[in-house]
Amino acid sequence: PRLSQQSNGKFQSIFREAELSNAICFFDECESLFMKRDSGGSSHLAELLVQMEKFEGICLLATNRPFDLDEAFFRRISECFEFKPPNHVERREIWRIATSHEAIPCDESIDLD
């Protein structure tokens, strides 16, 4: 389910449902929910952090603004991974793989270099 900052009391049911379903919780653009409180972060941050701590499953969060996240949030993270943008060679390989089958045709005149 999609959440907005106005979601109240939904976190407990989301984590409960994930636990019952053996599902992974994924929060994309998590800075909208986990923003620093002194920067206008979610008023539901405390509830969300408590529910995350109780959750025994896997919770994935994605952001391109890690410095906007609340400090209390970082204390609850066990692993953090940074995915850097691909360089020129890596981008060429991504395009080569993506266009190497019939589902995504690529005109032969296109130079991926």
PDB file of N, CA and C in Angstrom:
ATOM      1  N   PRO A   1       0.826  -1.206   0.000  1.00  0.00           N
ATOM      2  CA  PRO A   1       0.000   0.000   0.000  1.00  0.00           C
ATOM      3  C   PRO A   1       0.855   1.248   0.000  1.00  0.00           C
ATOM      4  N   ARG A   2       0.357   2.270  -0.674  1.00  0.00           N
ATOM      5  CA  ARG A   2       1.066   3.536  -0.707  1.00  0.00           C
ATOM      6  C   ARG A   2       0.719   4.329   0.541  1.00  0.00           C
ATOM      7  N   LEU A   3       1.703   5.072   1.046  1.00  0.00           N
ATOM      8  CA  LEU A   3       1.506   5.872   2.249  1.00  0.00           C
ATOM      9  C   LEU A   3       1.798   7.324   1.960  1.00  0.00           C
ATOM     10  N   SER A   4       1.140   8.189   2.662  1.00  0.00           N
ATOM     11  CA  SER A   4       1.478   9.601   2.615  1.00  0.00           C
ATOM     12  C   SER A   4       1.850  10.017   4.024  1.00  0.00           C
ATOM     13  N   GLN A   5       2.340  11.225   4.170  1.00  0.00           N
ATOM     14  CA  GLN A   5       2.706  11.690   5.496  1.00  0.00           C
ATOM     15  C   GLN A   5       1.481  11.788   6.410  1.00  0.00           C
ATOM     16  N   GLN A   6       0.282  11.843   5.853  1.00  0.00           N
ATOM     17  CA  GLN A   6      -0.924  11.954   6.656  1.00  0.00           C
ATOM     18  C   GLN A   6      -1.419  10.599   7.155  1.00  0.00           C
ATOM     19  N   SER A   7      -0.769   9.511   6.766  1.00  0.00           N
ATOM     20  CA  SER A   7      -1.200   8.181   7.190  1.00  0.00           C
ATOM     21  C   SER A   7      -1.036   8.048   8.692  1.00  0.00           C
ATOM     22  N   ASN A   8      -2.116   7.742   9.376  1.00  0.00           N
ATOM     23  CA  ASN A   8      -2.077   7.639  10.829  1.00  0.00           C
ATOM     24  C   ASN A   8      -2.537   6.253  11.234  1.00  0.00           C
ATOM     25  N   GLY A   9      -1.738   5.544  12.027  1.00  0.00           N
ATOM     26  CA  GLY A   9      -2.108   4.225  12.497  1.00  0.00           C
ATOM     27  C   GLY A   9      -1.999   3.137  11.445  1.00  0.00           C
ATOM     28  N   LYS A  10      -1.530   3.461  10.268  1.00  0.00           N
ATOM     29  CA  LYS A  10      -1.423   2.476   9.186  1.00  0.00           C
ATOM     30  C   LYS A  10      -0.151   1.639   9.301  1.00  0.00           C
ATOM     31  N   PHE A  11       0.852   2.185   9.949  1.00  0.00           N
ATOM     32  CA  PHE A  11       2.142   1.504   9.985  1.00  0.00           C
ATOM     33  C   PHE A  11       2.050   0.152  10.674  1.00  0.00           C
ATOM     34  N   GLN A  12       1.355   0.091  11.778  1.00  0.00           N
ATOM     35  CA  GLN A  12       1.234  -1.167  12.498  1.00  0.00           C
ATOM     36  C   GLN A  12       0.585  -2.229  11.614  1.00  0.00           C
ATOM     37  N   SER A  13      -0.479  -1.853  10.921  1.00  0.00           N
ATOM     38  CA  SER A  13      -1.160  -2.838  10.073  1.00  0.00           C
ATOM     39  C   SER A  13      -0.297  -3.234   8.871  1.00  0.00           C
ATOM     40  N   ILE A  14       0.484  -2.321   8.346  1.00  0.00           N
ATOM     41  CA  ILE A  14       1.350  -2.655   7.210  1.00  0.00           C
ATOM     42  C   ILE A  14       2.426  -3.648   7.624  1.00  0.00           C
ATOM     43  N   PHE A  15       3.085  -3.383   8.740  1.00  0.00           N
ATOM     44  CA  PHE A  15       4.128  -4.298   9.194  1.00  0.00           C
ATOM     45  C   PHE A  15       3.533  -5.631   9.638  1.00  0.00           C
ATOM     46  N   ARG A  16       2.358  -5.612  10.234  1.00  0.00           N
ATOM     47  CA  ARG A  16       1.689  -6.852  10.639  1.00  0.00           C
ATOM     48  C   ARG A  16       1.352  -7.687   9.408  1.00  0.00           C
ATOM     49  N   GLU A  17       0.795  -7.045   8.394  1.00  0.00           N
ATOM     50  CA  GLU A  17       0.457  -7.757   7.157  1.00  0.00           C
ATOM     51  C   GLU A  17       1.707  -8.328   6.495  1.00  0.00           C
ATOM     52  N   ALA A  18       2.793  -7.565   6.497  1.00  0.00           N
ATOM     53  CA  ALA A  18       4.048  -8.043   5.923  1.00  0.00           C
ATOM     54  C   ALA A  18       4.559  -9.266   6.678  1.00  0.00           C
ATOM     55  N   GLU A  19       4.441  -9.221   7.998  1.00  0.00           N
ATOM     56  CA  GLU A  19       4.891 -10.346   8.805  1.00  0.00           C
ATOM     57  C   GLU A  19       4.036 -11.588   8.545  1.00  0.00           C
ATOM     58  N   LEU A  20       2.723 -11.414   8.495  1.00  0.00           N
ATOM     59  CA  LEU A  20       1.827 -12.548   8.243  1.00  0.00           C
ATOM     60  C   LEU A  20       2.019 -13.131   6.849  1.00  0.00           C
ATOM     61  N   SER A  21       2.365 -12.289   5.898  1.00  0.00           N
ATOM     62  CA  SER A  21       2.544 -12.719   4.508  1.00  0.00           C
ATOM     63  C   SER A  21       3.980 -13.104   4.177  1.00  0.00           C
ATOM     64  N   ASN A  22       4.861 -12.962   5.159  1.00  0.00           N
ATOM     65  CA  ASN A  22       6.284 -13.199   4.938  1.00  0.00           C
ATOM     66  C   ASN A  22       6.786 -12.336   3.778  1.00  0.00           C
ATOM     67  N   ALA A  23       6.346 -11.070   3.795  1.00  0.00           N
ATOM     68  CA  ALA A  23       6.675 -10.133   2.721  1.00  0.00           C
ATOM     69  C   ALA A  23       7.776  -9.171   3.179  1.00  0.00           C
ATOM     70  N   ILE A  24       8.383  -8.540   2.215  1.00  0.00           N
ATOM     71  CA  ILE A  24       9.386  -7.507   2.464  1.00  0.00           C
ATOM     72  C   ILE A  24       8.690  -6.158   2.434  1.00  0.00           C
ATOM     73  N   CYS A  25       9.020  -5.292   3.383  1.00  0.00           N
ATOM     74  CA  CYS A  25       8.513  -3.911   3.353  1.00  0.00           C
ATOM     75  C   CYS A  25       9.510  -3.074   2.560  1.00  0.00           C
ATOM     76  N   PHE A  26       9.016  -2.322   1.592  1.00  0.00           N
ATOM     77  CA  PHE A  26       9.876  -1.464   0.781  1.00  0.00           C
ATOM     78  C   PHE A  26       9.326  -0.052   0.789  1.00  0.00           C
ATOM     79  N   PHE A  27      10.158   0.895   1.204  1.00  0.00           N
ATOM     80  CA  PHE A  27       9.793   2.304   1.214  1.00  0.00           C
ATOM     81  C   PHE A  27      10.673   3.020   0.196  1.00  0.00           C
ATOM     82  N   ASP A  28      10.084   3.404  -0.934  1.00  0.00           N
ATOM     83  CA  ASP A  28      10.811   4.146  -1.951  1.00  0.00           C
ATOM     84  C   ASP A  28      10.719   5.626  -1.609  1.00  0.00           C
ATOM     85  N   GLU A  29      11.753   6.370  -1.922  1.00  0.00           N
ATOM     86  CA  GLU A  29      11.825   7.794  -1.576  1.00  0.00           C
ATOM     87  C   GLU A  29      11.481   7.979  -0.097  1.00  0.00           C
ATOM     88  N   CYS A  30      12.155   7.186   0.735  1.00  0.00           N
ATOM     89  CA  CYS A  30      11.837   7.134   2.159  1.00  0.00           C
ATOM     90  C   CYS A  30      12.082   8.449   2.894  1.00  0.00           C
ATOM     91  N   GLU A  31      12.810   9.381   2.279  1.00  0.00           N
ATOM     92  CA  GLU A  31      13.053  10.658   2.963  1.00  0.00           C
ATOM     93  C   GLU A  31      11.748  11.400   3.241  1.00  0.00           C
ATOM     94  N   SER A  32      10.695  11.120   2.471  1.00  0.00           N
ATOM     95  CA  SER A  32       9.416  11.789   2.725  1.00  0.00           C
ATOM     96  C   SER A  32       8.815  11.343   4.046  1.00  0.00           C
ATOM     97  N   LEU A  33       9.144  10.145   4.507  1.00  0.00           N
ATOM     98  CA  LEU A  33       8.637   9.652   5.793  1.00  0.00           C
ATOM     99  C   LEU A  33       9.658   9.764   6.909  1.00  0.00           C
ATOM    100  N   PHE A  34      10.940   9.655   6.576  1.00  0.00           N
ATOM    101  CA  PHE A  34      11.993   9.612   7.584  1.00  0.00           C
ATOM    102  C   PHE A  34      12.818  10.896   7.638  1.00  0.00           C
ATOM    103  N   MET A  35      12.263  12.006   7.154  1.00  0.00           N
ATOM    104  CA  MET A  35      12.983  13.277   7.135  1.00  0.00           C
ATOM    105  C   MET A  35      13.266  13.763   8.556  1.00  0.00           C
ATOM    106  N   LYS A  36      14.371  14.468   8.705  1.00  0.00           N
ATOM    107  CA  LYS A  36      14.721  15.042  10.009  1.00  0.00           C
ATOM    108  C   LYS A  36      13.542  15.817  10.570  1.00  0.00           C
ATOM    109  N   ARG A  37      13.258  15.592  11.835  1.00  0.00           N
ATOM    110  CA  ARG A  37      12.113  16.245  12.466  1.00  0.00           C
ATOM    111  C   ARG A  37      12.253  17.764  12.487  1.00  0.00           C
ATOM    112  N   ASP A  38      13.480  18.249  12.627  1.00  0.00           N
ATOM    113  CA  ASP A  38      13.678  19.703  12.651  1.00  0.00           C
ATOM    114  C   ASP A  38      13.599  20.323  11.264  1.00  0.00           C
ATOM    115  N   SER A  39      13.436  19.482  10.240  1.00  0.00           N
ATOM    116  CA  SER A  39      13.293  19.965   8.869  1.00  0.00           C
ATOM    117  C   SER A  39      11.888  19.739   8.336  1.00  0.00           C
ATOM    118  N   GLY A  40      10.950  19.546   9.236  1.00  0.00           N
ATOM    119  CA  GLY A  40       9.566  19.349   8.811  1.00  0.00           C
ATOM    120  C   GLY A  40       9.220  17.914   8.483  1.00  0.00           C
ATOM    121  N   GLY A  41       9.904  16.974   9.129  1.00  0.00           N
ATOM    122  CA  GLY A  41       9.649  15.560   8.880  1.00  0.00           C
ATOM    123  C   GLY A  41       8.267  15.124   9.332  1.00  0.00           C
ATOM    124  N   SER A  42       7.946  13.883   9.041  1.00  0.00           N
ATOM    125  CA  SER A  42       6.637  13.322   9.340  1.00  0.00           C
ATOM    126  C   SER A  42       6.347  13.334  10.829  1.00  0.00           C
ATOM    127  N   SER A  43       5.124  13.729  11.179  1.00  0.00           N
ATOM    128  CA  SER A  43       4.716  13.711  12.580  1.00  0.00           C
ATOM    129  C   SER A  43       4.525  12.274  13.058  1.00  0.00           C
ATOM    130  N   HIS A  44       4.525  11.323  12.155  1.00  0.00           N
ATOM    131  CA  HIS A  44       4.331   9.920  12.489  1.00  0.00           C
ATOM    132  C   HIS A  44       5.653   9.161  12.545  1.00  0.00           C
ATOM    133  N   LEU A  45       6.760   9.891  12.533  1.00  0.00           N
ATOM    134  CA  LEU A  45       8.079   9.259  12.499  1.00  0.00           C
ATOM    135  C   LEU A  45       8.286   8.336  13.689  1.00  0.00           C
ATOM    136  N   ALA A  46       7.917   8.762  14.892  1.00  0.00           N
ATOM    137  CA  ALA A  46       8.129   7.943  16.087  1.00  0.00           C
ATOM    138  C   ALA A  46       7.373   6.620  15.963  1.00  0.00           C
ATOM    139  N   GLU A  47       6.128   6.667  15.511  1.00  0.00           N
ATOM    140  CA  GLU A  47       5.336   5.443  15.345  1.00  0.00           C
ATOM    141  C   GLU A  47       5.982   4.530  14.312  1.00  0.00           C
ATOM    142  N   LEU A  48       6.424   5.095  13.220  1.00  0.00           N
ATOM    143  CA  LEU A  48       7.048   4.311  12.158  1.00  0.00           C
ATOM    144  C   LEU A  48       8.330   3.647  12.642  1.00  0.00           C
ATOM    145  N   LEU A  49       9.146   4.384  13.388  1.00  0.00           N
ATOM    146  CA  LEU A  49      10.394   3.826  13.900  1.00  0.00           C
ATOM    147  C   LEU A  49      10.129   2.684  14.877  1.00  0.00           C
ATOM    148  N   VAL A  50       9.123   2.828  15.725  1.00  0.00           N
ATOM    149  CA  VAL A  50       8.769   1.767  16.674  1.00  0.00           C
ATOM    150  C   VAL A  50       8.340   0.517  15.917  1.00  0.00           C
ATOM    151  N   GLN A  51       7.503   0.689  14.906  1.00  0.00           N
ATOM    152  CA  GLN A  51       7.030  -0.459  14.129  1.00  0.00           C
ATOM    153  C   GLN A  51       8.173  -1.132  13.376  1.00  0.00           C
ATOM    154  N   MET A  52       9.106  -0.350  12.874  1.00  0.00           N
ATOM    155  CA  MET A  52      10.272  -0.924  12.186  1.00  0.00           C
ATOM    156  C   MET A  52      11.101  -1.755  13.152  1.00  0.00           C
ATOM    157  N   GLU A  53      11.275  -1.247  14.384  1.00  0.00           N
ATOM    158  CA  GLU A  53      12.064  -1.972  15.376  1.00  0.00           C
ATOM    159  C   GLU A  53      11.419  -3.300  15.744  1.00  0.00           C
ATOM    160  N   LYS A  54      10.108  -3.329  15.806  1.00  0.00           N
ATOM    161  CA  LYS A  54       9.381  -4.551  16.165  1.00  0.00           C
ATOM    162  C   LYS A  54       9.373  -5.565  15.019  1.00  0.00           C
ATOM    163  N   PHE A  55       9.456  -5.082  13.808  1.00  0.00           N
ATOM    164  CA  PHE A  55       9.345  -5.934  12.622  1.00  0.00           C
ATOM    165  C   PHE A  55      10.542  -6.867  12.538  1.00  0.00           C
ATOM    166  N   GLU A  56      10.286  -8.168  12.424  1.00  0.00           N
ATOM    167  CA  GLU A  56      11.356  -9.158  12.364  1.00  0.00           C
ATOM    168  C   GLU A  56      11.720  -9.547  10.939  1.00  0.00           C
ATOM    169  N   GLY A  57      11.007  -8.996   9.970  1.00  0.00           N
ATOM    170  CA  GLY A  57      11.269  -9.303   8.570  1.00  0.00           C
ATOM    171  C   GLY A  57      12.282  -8.346   7.965  1.00  0.00           C
ATOM    172  N   ILE A  58      12.296  -8.342   6.659  1.00  0.00           N
ATOM    173  CA  ILE A  58      13.225  -7.485   5.918  1.00  0.00           C
ATOM    174  C   ILE A  58      12.514  -6.201   5.522  1.00  0.00           C
ATOM    175  N   CYS A  59      13.182  -5.107   5.756  1.00  0.00           N
ATOM    176  CA  CYS A  59      12.648  -3.792   5.409  1.00  0.00           C
ATOM    177  C   CYS A  59      13.706  -3.088   4.552  1.00  0.00           C
ATOM    178  N   LEU A  60      13.335  -2.726   3.336  1.00  0.00           N
ATOM    179  CA  LEU A  60      14.245  -2.038   2.424  1.00  0.00           C
ATOM    180  C   LEU A  60      13.769  -0.605   2.244  1.00  0.00           C
ATOM    181  N   LEU A  61      14.711   0.311   2.214  1.00  0.00           N
ATOM    182  CA  LEU A  61      14.394   1.711   2.018  1.00  0.00           C
ATOM    183  C   LEU A  61      15.301   2.275   0.944  1.00  0.00           C
ATOM    184  N   ALA A  62      14.746   3.135   0.108  1.00  0.00           N
ATOM    185  CA  ALA A  62      15.538   3.740  -0.963  1.00  0.00           C
ATOM    186  C   ALA A  62      15.417   5.254  -0.880  1.00  0.00           C
ATOM    187  N   THR A  63      16.531   5.914  -1.077  1.00  0.00           N
ATOM    188  CA  THR A  63      16.535   7.376  -1.092  1.00  0.00           C
ATOM    189  C   THR A  63      17.703   7.867  -1.930  1.00  0.00           C
ATOM    190  N   ASN A  64      17.545   9.040  -2.500  1.00  0.00           N
ATOM    191  CA  ASN A  64      18.681   9.695  -3.137  1.00  0.00           C
ATOM    192  C   ASN A  64      19.065  10.930  -2.322  1.00  0.00           C
ATOM    193  N   ARG A  65      18.493  11.031  -1.117  1.00  0.00           N
ATOM    194  CA  ARG A  65      18.785  12.154  -0.216  1.00  0.00           C
ATOM    195  C   ARG A  65      19.083  11.643   1.198  1.00  0.00           C
ATOM    196  N   PRO A  66      20.130  10.844   1.388  1.00  0.00           N
ATOM    197  CA  PRO A  66      20.400  10.249   2.706  1.00  0.00           C
ATOM    198  C   PRO A  66      20.681  11.272   3.803  1.00  0.00           C
ATOM    199  N   PHE A  67      21.155  12.450   3.443  1.00  0.00           N
ATOM    200  CA  PHE A  67      21.486  13.444   4.462  1.00  0.00           C
ATOM    201  C   PHE A  67      20.255  14.146   5.023  1.00  0.00           C
ATOM    202  N   ASP A  68      19.090  13.900   4.414  1.00  0.00           N
ATOM    203  CA  ASP A  68      17.838  14.471   4.914  1.00  0.00           C
ATOM    204  C   ASP A  68      17.142  13.565   5.920  1.00  0.00           C
ATOM    205  N   LEU A  69      17.687  12.379   6.155  1.00  0.00           N
ATOM    206  CA  LEU A  69      17.035  11.418   7.030  1.00  0.00           C
ATOM    207  C   LEU A  69      17.312  11.722   8.500  1.00  0.00           C
ATOM    208  N   ASP A  70      16.330  11.424   9.338  1.00  0.00           N
ATOM    209  CA  ASP A  70      16.440  11.658  10.773  1.00  0.00           C
ATOM    210  C   ASP A  70      17.529  10.757  11.377  1.00  0.00           C
ATOM    211  N   GLU A  71      18.276  11.300  12.339  1.00  0.00           N
ATOM    212  CA  GLU A  71      19.365  10.568  12.982  1.00  0.00           C
ATOM    213  C   GLU A  71      18.864   9.302  13.686  1.00  0.00           C
ATOM    214  N   ALA A  72      17.682   9.366  14.289  1.00  0.00           N
ATOM    215  CA  ALA A  72      17.120   8.200  14.981  1.00  0.00           C
ATOM    216  C   ALA A  72      16.903   7.046  14.011  1.00  0.00           C
ATOM    217  N   PHE A  73      16.638   7.378  12.794  1.00  0.00           N
ATOM    218  CA  PHE A  73      16.431   6.364  11.766  1.00  0.00           C
ATOM    219  C   PHE A  73      17.714   5.576  11.524  1.00  0.00           C
ATOM    220  N   PHE A  74      18.850   6.252  11.452  1.00  0.00           N
ATOM    221  CA  PHE A  74      20.126   5.595  11.165  1.00  0.00           C
ATOM    222  C   PHE A  74      20.526   4.609  12.257  1.00  0.00           C
ATOM    223  N   ARG A  75      20.090   4.847  13.490  1.00  0.00           N
ATOM    224  CA  ARG A  75      20.412   3.923  14.580  1.00  0.00           C
ATOM    225  C   ARG A  75      19.709   2.578  14.403  1.00  0.00           C
ATOM    226  N   ARG A  76      18.703   2.535  13.572  1.00  0.00           N
ATOM    227  CA  ARG A  76      17.925   1.309  13.373  1.00  0.00           C
ATOM    228  C   ARG A  76      18.301   0.562  12.091  1.00  0.00           C
ATOM    229  N   ILE A  77      19.240   1.085  11.351  1.00  0.00           N
ATOM    230  CA  ILE A  77      19.660   0.456  10.097  1.00  0.00           C
ATOM    231  C   ILE A  77      20.809  -0.503  10.389  1.00  0.00           C
ATOM    232  N   SER A  78      20.674  -1.741   9.903  1.00  0.00           N
ATOM    233  CA  SER A  78      21.756  -2.706  10.122  1.00  0.00           C
ATOM    234  C   SER A  78      22.741  -2.720   8.950  1.00  0.00           C
ATOM    235  N   GLU A  79      22.274  -2.404   7.757  1.00  0.00           N
ATOM    236  CA  GLU A  79      23.137  -2.383   6.573  1.00  0.00           C
ATOM    237  C   GLU A  79      22.758  -1.190   5.699  1.00  0.00           C
ATOM    238  N   CYS A  80      23.751  -0.619   5.061  1.00  0.00           N
ATOM    239  CA  CYS A  80      23.509   0.515   4.172  1.00  0.00           C
ATOM    240  C   CYS A  80      24.356   0.309   2.915  1.00  0.00           C
ATOM    241  N   PHE A  81      23.724   0.446   1.751  1.00  0.00           N
ATOM    242  CA  PHE A  81      24.416   0.233   0.485  1.00  0.00           C
ATOM    243  C   PHE A  81      24.251   1.464  -0.393  1.00  0.00           C
ATOM    244  N   GLU A  82      25.335   1.862  -1.019  1.00  0.00           N
ATOM    245  CA  GLU A  82      25.278   2.989  -1.949  1.00  0.00           C
ATOM    246  C   GLU A  82      25.444   2.448  -3.365  1.00  0.00           C
ATOM    247  N   PHE A  83      24.503   2.814  -4.216  1.00  0.00           N
ATOM    248  CA  PHE A  83      24.573   2.419  -5.618  1.00  0.00           C
ATOM    249  C   PHE A  83      24.940   3.650  -6.426  1.00  0.00           C
ATOM    250  N   LYS A  84      26.180   3.679  -6.877  1.00  0.00           N
ATOM    251  CA  LYS A  84      26.655   4.826  -7.644  1.00  0.00           C
ATOM    252  C   LYS A  84      26.160   4.719  -9.085  1.00  0.00           C
ATOM    253  N   PRO A  85      25.990   5.858  -9.737  1.00  0.00           N
ATOM    254  CA  PRO A  85      25.579   5.823 -11.152  1.00  0.00           C
ATOM    255  C   PRO A  85      26.629   5.087 -11.980  1.00  0.00           C
ATOM    256  N   PRO A  86      26.193   4.366 -12.996  1.00  0.00           N
ATOM    257  CA  PRO A  86      27.163   3.629 -13.821  1.00  0.00           C
ATOM    258  C   PRO A  86      28.045   4.578 -14.626  1.00  0.00           C
ATOM    259  N   ASN A  87      29.280   4.147 -14.859  1.00  0.00           N
ATOM    260  CA  ASN A  87      30.175   4.934 -15.707  1.00  0.00           C
ATOM    261  C   ASN A  87      29.851   4.642 -17.172  1.00  0.00           C
ATOM    262  N   HIS A  88      30.609   5.222 -18.087  1.00  0.00           N
ATOM    263  CA  HIS A  88      30.350   5.084 -19.523  1.00  0.00           C
ATOM    264  C   HIS A  88      30.356   3.616 -19.972  1.00  0.00           C
ATOM    265  N   VAL A  89      31.349   2.871 -19.540  1.00  0.00           N
ATOM    266  CA  VAL A  89      31.475   1.466 -19.947  1.00  0.00           C
ATOM    267  C   VAL A  89      30.301   0.653 -19.390  1.00  0.00           C
ATOM    268  N   GLU A  90      29.957   0.894 -18.138  1.00  0.00           N
ATOM    269  CA  GLU A  90      28.846   0.157 -17.518  1.00  0.00           C
ATOM    270  C   GLU A  90      27.510   0.506 -18.181  1.00  0.00           C
ATOM    271  N   ARG A  91      27.307   1.784 -18.530  1.00  0.00           N
ATOM    272  CA  ARG A  91      26.072   2.181 -19.220  1.00  0.00           C
ATOM    273  C   ARG A  91      25.962   1.499 -20.574  1.00  0.00           C
ATOM    274  N   ARG A  92      27.077   1.423 -21.297  1.00  0.00           N
ATOM    275  CA  ARG A  92      27.075   0.754 -22.601  1.00  0.00           C
ATOM    276  C   ARG A  92      26.684  -0.714 -22.443  1.00  0.00           C
ATOM    277  N   GLU A  93      27.215  -1.377 -21.425  1.00  0.00           N
ATOM    278  CA  GLU A  93      26.896  -2.786 -21.189  1.00  0.00           C
ATOM    279  C   GLU A  93      25.418  -2.954 -20.801  1.00  0.00           C
ATOM    280  N   ILE A  94      24.894  -2.050 -20.012  1.00  0.00           N
ATOM    281  CA  ILE A  94      23.470  -2.095 -19.645  1.00  0.00           C
ATOM    282  C   ILE A  94      22.616  -1.991 -20.902  1.00  0.00           C
ATOM    283  N   TRP A  95      22.928  -1.031 -21.762  1.00  0.00           N
ATOM    284  CA  TRP A  95      22.164  -0.865 -23.006  1.00  0.00           C
ATOM    285  C   TRP A  95      22.322  -2.079 -23.919  1.00  0.00           C
ATOM    286  N   ARG A  96      23.529  -2.636 -23.985  1.00  0.00           N
ATOM    287  CA  ARG A  96      23.756  -3.804 -24.829  1.00  0.00           C
ATOM    288  C   ARG A  96      22.888  -4.973 -24.369  1.00  0.00           C
ATOM    289  N   ILE A  97      22.858  -5.212 -23.070  1.00  0.00           N
ATOM    290  CA  ILE A  97      22.052  -6.318 -22.530  1.00  0.00           C
ATOM    291  C   ILE A  97      20.561  -6.035 -22.724  1.00  0.00           C
ATOM    292  N   ALA A  98      20.147  -4.809 -22.439  1.00  0.00           N
ATOM    293  CA  ALA A  98      18.725  -4.453 -22.530  1.00  0.00           C
ATOM    294  C   ALA A  98      18.192  -4.539 -23.956  1.00  0.00           C
ATOM    295  N   THR A  99      19.047  -4.279 -24.922  1.00  0.00           N
ATOM    296  CA  THR A  99      18.584  -4.269 -26.319  1.00  0.00           C
ATOM    297  C   THR A  99      19.020  -5.510 -27.099  1.00  0.00           C
ATOM    298  N   SER A 100      19.514  -6.520 -26.405  1.00  0.00           N
ATOM    299  CA  SER A 100      20.021  -7.706 -27.093  1.00  0.00           C
ATOM    300  C   SER A 100      18.947  -8.740 -27.406  1.00  0.00           C
ATOM    301  N   HIS A 101      17.712  -8.464 -27.055  1.00  0.00           N
ATOM    302  CA  HIS A 101      16.638  -9.420 -27.361  1.00  0.00           C
ATOM    303  C   HIS A 101      15.501  -8.703 -28.085  1.00  0.00           C
ATOM    304  N   GLU A 102      14.576  -9.458 -28.601  1.00  0.00           N
ATOM    305  CA  GLU A 102      13.510  -8.916 -29.440  1.00  0.00           C
ATOM    306  C   GLU A 102      12.524  -8.021 -28.688  1.00  0.00           C
ATOM    307  N   ALA A 103      12.413  -8.168 -27.380  1.00  0.00           N
ATOM    308  CA  ALA A 103      11.442  -7.377 -26.611  1.00  0.00           C
ATOM    309  C   ALA A 103      11.740  -5.879 -26.696  1.00  0.00           C
ATOM    310  N   ILE A 104      13.020  -5.537 -26.800  1.00  0.00           N
ATOM    311  CA  ILE A 104      13.425  -4.130 -26.919  1.00  0.00           C
ATOM    312  C   ILE A 104      14.338  -4.015 -28.123  1.00  0.00           C
ATOM    313  N   PRO A 105      13.754  -3.861 -29.297  1.00  0.00           N
ATOM    314  CA  PRO A 105      14.600  -3.780 -30.495  1.00  0.00           C
ATOM    315  C   PRO A 105      15.415  -2.487 -30.521  1.00  0.00           C
ATOM    316  N   CYS A 106      16.591  -2.590 -31.049  1.00  0.00           N
ATOM    317  CA  CYS A 106      17.479  -1.432 -31.177  1.00  0.00           C
ATOM    318  C   CYS A 106      17.956  -1.380 -32.621  1.00  0.00           C
ATOM    319  N   ASP A 107      17.753  -0.258 -33.251  1.00  0.00           N
ATOM    320  CA  ASP A 107      18.186  -0.099 -34.637  1.00  0.00           C
ATOM    321  C   ASP A 107      19.705  -0.273 -34.704  1.00  0.00           C
ATOM    322  N   GLU A 108      20.157  -1.016 -35.687  1.00  0.00           N
ATOM    323  CA  GLU A 108      21.584  -1.305 -35.818  1.00  0.00           C
ATOM    324  C   GLU A 108      22.424  -0.051 -36.047  1.00  0.00           C
ATOM    325  N   SER A 109      21.797   1.024 -36.497  1.00  0.00           N
ATOM    326  CA  SER A 109      22.543   2.250 -36.750  1.00  0.00           C
ATOM    327  C   SER A 109      22.875   3.018 -35.459  1.00  0.00           C
ATOM    328  N   ILE A 110      22.273   2.626 -34.347  1.00  0.00           N
ATOM    329  CA  ILE A 110      22.525   3.304 -33.080  1.00  0.00           C
ATOM    330  C   ILE A 110      23.867   2.846 -32.521  1.00  0.00           C
ATOM    331  N   ASP A 111      24.714   3.815 -32.255  1.00  0.00           N
ATOM    332  CA  ASP A 111      26.043   3.535 -31.695  1.00  0.00           C
ATOM    333  C   ASP A 111      25.966   3.670 -30.172  1.00  0.00           C
ATOM    334  N   LEU A 112      26.092   2.587 -29.444  1.00  0.00           N
ATOM    335  CA  LEU A 112      26.001   2.618 -27.996  1.00  0.00           C
ATOM    336  C   LEU A 112      27.265   3.187 -27.339  1.00  0.00           C
ATOM    337  N   ASP A 113      28.302   3.396 -28.125  1.00  0.00           N
ATOM    338  CA  ASP A 113      29.510   3.984 -27.577  1.00  0.00           C
ATOM    339  C   ASP A 113      29.381   5.469 -27.573  1.00  0.00           C
TER     340      ASP A 113
END
